[in-house]
Amino acid sequence: MGIFLIRNVATDKVFLGSALNLNGGINRHKFQLAAGSHPNRALQEDWKLLGEGNFAFEIIDQCEPPDNPALDSRVELEAMESMWLEQLKPYGDRGYNKRKLSREELLRMSDKSRT
């Protein structure tokens, strides 16, 4: 399990993803992009415009799942992904990811919409 990037080598923009099975996760994204059905529209548009040859898939972090079956591997993977999102900030001009709002930010937005 681990963290991977889809890098647009023409612009250096990246999409950061995670998967419990890295090879399977990367293959899923490649298939979606090739089929024109990737859920990230900006990434899909650049893929269509620039072509597969302008994108690289890179594994940037990986670890073994916990030996204890009572431990949820997804929790560790989410922590890894959050750390890399914080470090790389692949948003806007730097990347294709959408910034996830914190619980506090969501509550503030909800409060403002009620006034």
Protein backbone atom coordinates (compact mmCIF):
# COMPACT_ATOMS: atom_id res chain seq x y z
CA MET A 1 0.00 0.00 0.00
CA GLY A 2 1.17 3.52 -0.56
CA ILE A 3 1.09 6.90 -2.25
CA PHE A 4 1.62 7.64 -5.94
CA LEU A 5 1.72 10.64 -8.25
CA ILE A 6 0.47 11.10 -11.77
CA ARG A 7 2.83 13.79 -13.05
CA ASN A 8 2.12 15.95 -16.08
CA VAL A 9 5.70 16.24 -17.33
CA ALA A 10 4.80 19.17 -19.61
CA THR A 11 3.56 21.37 -16.73
CA ASP A 12 4.85 19.51 -13.64
CA LYS A 13 1.32 19.47 -12.20
CA VAL A 14 0.62 16.35 -10.15
CA PHE A 15 -2.29 14.27 -9.00
CA LEU A 16 -1.63 12.57 -5.67
CA GLY A 17 -3.39 9.28 -5.04
CA SER A 18 -3.27 6.39 -2.61
CA ALA A 19 -4.08 2.71 -2.84
CA LEU A 20 -4.09 -0.34 -0.62
CA ASN A 21 -2.72 -2.16 -3.69
CA LEU A 22 -0.37 0.26 -5.48
CA ASN A 23 -0.14 -1.62 -8.78
CA GLY A 24 -3.90 -2.08 -8.89
CA GLY A 25 -4.56 1.58 -8.03
CA ILE A 26 -2.16 2.88 -10.65
CA ASN A 27 -3.59 0.52 -13.28
CA ARG A 28 -7.13 1.69 -12.43
CA HIS A 29 -6.15 5.34 -12.98
CA LYS A 30 -4.37 4.48 -16.25
CA PHE A 31 -7.43 2.59 -17.48
CA GLN A 32 -9.81 5.43 -16.52
CA LEU A 33 -7.61 8.02 -18.25
CA ALA A 34 -7.25 5.90 -21.40
CA ALA A 35 -11.02 5.31 -21.46
CA GLY A 36 -11.78 9.02 -20.93
CA SER A 37 -13.64 8.30 -17.69
CA HIS A 38 -11.32 9.56 -14.95
CA PRO A 39 -13.31 11.34 -12.22
CA ASN A 40 -10.82 14.24 -12.09
CA ARG A 41 -11.95 16.30 -15.07
CA ALA A 42 -8.93 18.63 -15.20
CA LEU A 43 -6.52 15.69 -15.25
CA GLN A 44 -8.65 13.93 -17.87
CA GLU A 45 -8.72 17.04 -20.10
CA ASP A 46 -4.93 17.45 -19.93
CA TRP A 47 -4.45 13.73 -20.65
CA LYS A 48 -6.67 14.04 -23.73
CA LEU A 49 -4.95 17.26 -24.87
CA LEU A 50 -1.32 16.27 -24.23
CA GLY A 51 -1.44 12.49 -24.59
CA GLU A 52 -0.29 9.62 -22.42
CA GLY A 53 3.38 10.24 -23.26
CA ASN A 54 3.34 13.48 -21.27
CA PHE A 55 2.39 11.75 -18.01
CA ALA A 56 4.49 9.71 -15.58
CA PHE A 57 3.32 7.49 -12.74
CA GLU A 58 5.56 7.60 -9.67
CA ILE A 59 5.38 5.73 -6.37
CA ILE A 60 6.52 8.17 -3.68
CA ASP A 61 5.81 6.24 -0.46
CA GLN A 62 4.85 2.74 0.48
CA CYS A 63 4.55 0.49 3.50
CA GLU A 64 3.46 -2.98 4.39
CA PRO A 65 -0.04 -3.48 5.77
CA PRO A 66 -0.12 -4.06 9.53
CA ASP A 67 0.35 -7.67 10.66
CA ASN A 68 -2.52 -7.32 13.12
CA PRO A 69 -5.81 -7.95 11.24
CA ALA A 70 -7.67 -5.85 13.84
CA LEU A 71 -5.84 -2.74 12.60
CA ASP A 72 -7.42 -0.99 9.63
CA SER A 73 -4.84 -0.40 6.86
CA ARG A 74 -7.01 2.41 5.47
CA VAL A 75 -6.42 4.52 8.58
CA GLU A 76 -2.64 4.34 8.11
CA LEU A 77 -3.02 4.99 4.38
CA GLU A 78 -5.22 8.06 5.00
CA ALA A 79 -2.61 9.42 7.42
CA MET A 80 0.14 8.92 4.82
CA GLU A 81 -1.98 10.62 2.16
CA SER A 82 -2.75 13.58 4.43
CA MET A 83 0.95 14.01 5.21
CA TRP A 84 1.86 14.04 1.50
CA LEU A 85 -1.01 16.38 0.61
CA GLU A 86 0.21 18.78 3.30
CA GLN A 87 3.80 18.55 2.06
CA LEU A 88 3.18 18.81 -1.70
CA LYS A 89 0.02 20.93 -1.74
CA PRO A 90 -1.01 19.64 -5.19
CA TYR A 91 -3.82 22.16 -5.65
CA GLY A 92 -4.58 24.86 -8.20
CA ASP A 93 -1.62 25.59 -10.48
CA ARG A 94 0.50 22.98 -8.65
CA GLY A 95 -1.77 20.01 -9.09
CA TYR A 96 -5.04 18.32 -9.86
CA ASN A 97 -6.19 17.45 -6.35
CA LYS A 98 -9.10 19.23 -4.73
CA ARG A 99 -8.36 20.61 -1.29
CA LYS A 100 -10.34 18.80 1.39
CA LEU A 101 -11.95 21.16 3.84
CA SER A 102 -11.49 20.53 7.54
CA ARG A 103 -14.47 19.91 9.77
CA GLU A 104 -14.05 23.41 11.22
CA GLU A 105 -14.03 24.99 7.75
CA LEU A 106 -17.19 23.09 6.80
CA LEU A 107 -18.92 24.23 9.99
CA ARG A 108 -17.94 27.87 9.37
CA MET A 109 -19.30 27.67 5.82
CA SER A 110 -22.52 26.14 7.13
CA ASP A 111 -22.89 28.89 9.74
CA LYS A 112 -22.34 31.62 7.12
CA SER A 113 -24.98 30.16 4.81
CA ARG A 114 -27.58 30.35 7.59
CA THR A 115 -27.12 34.07 8.18
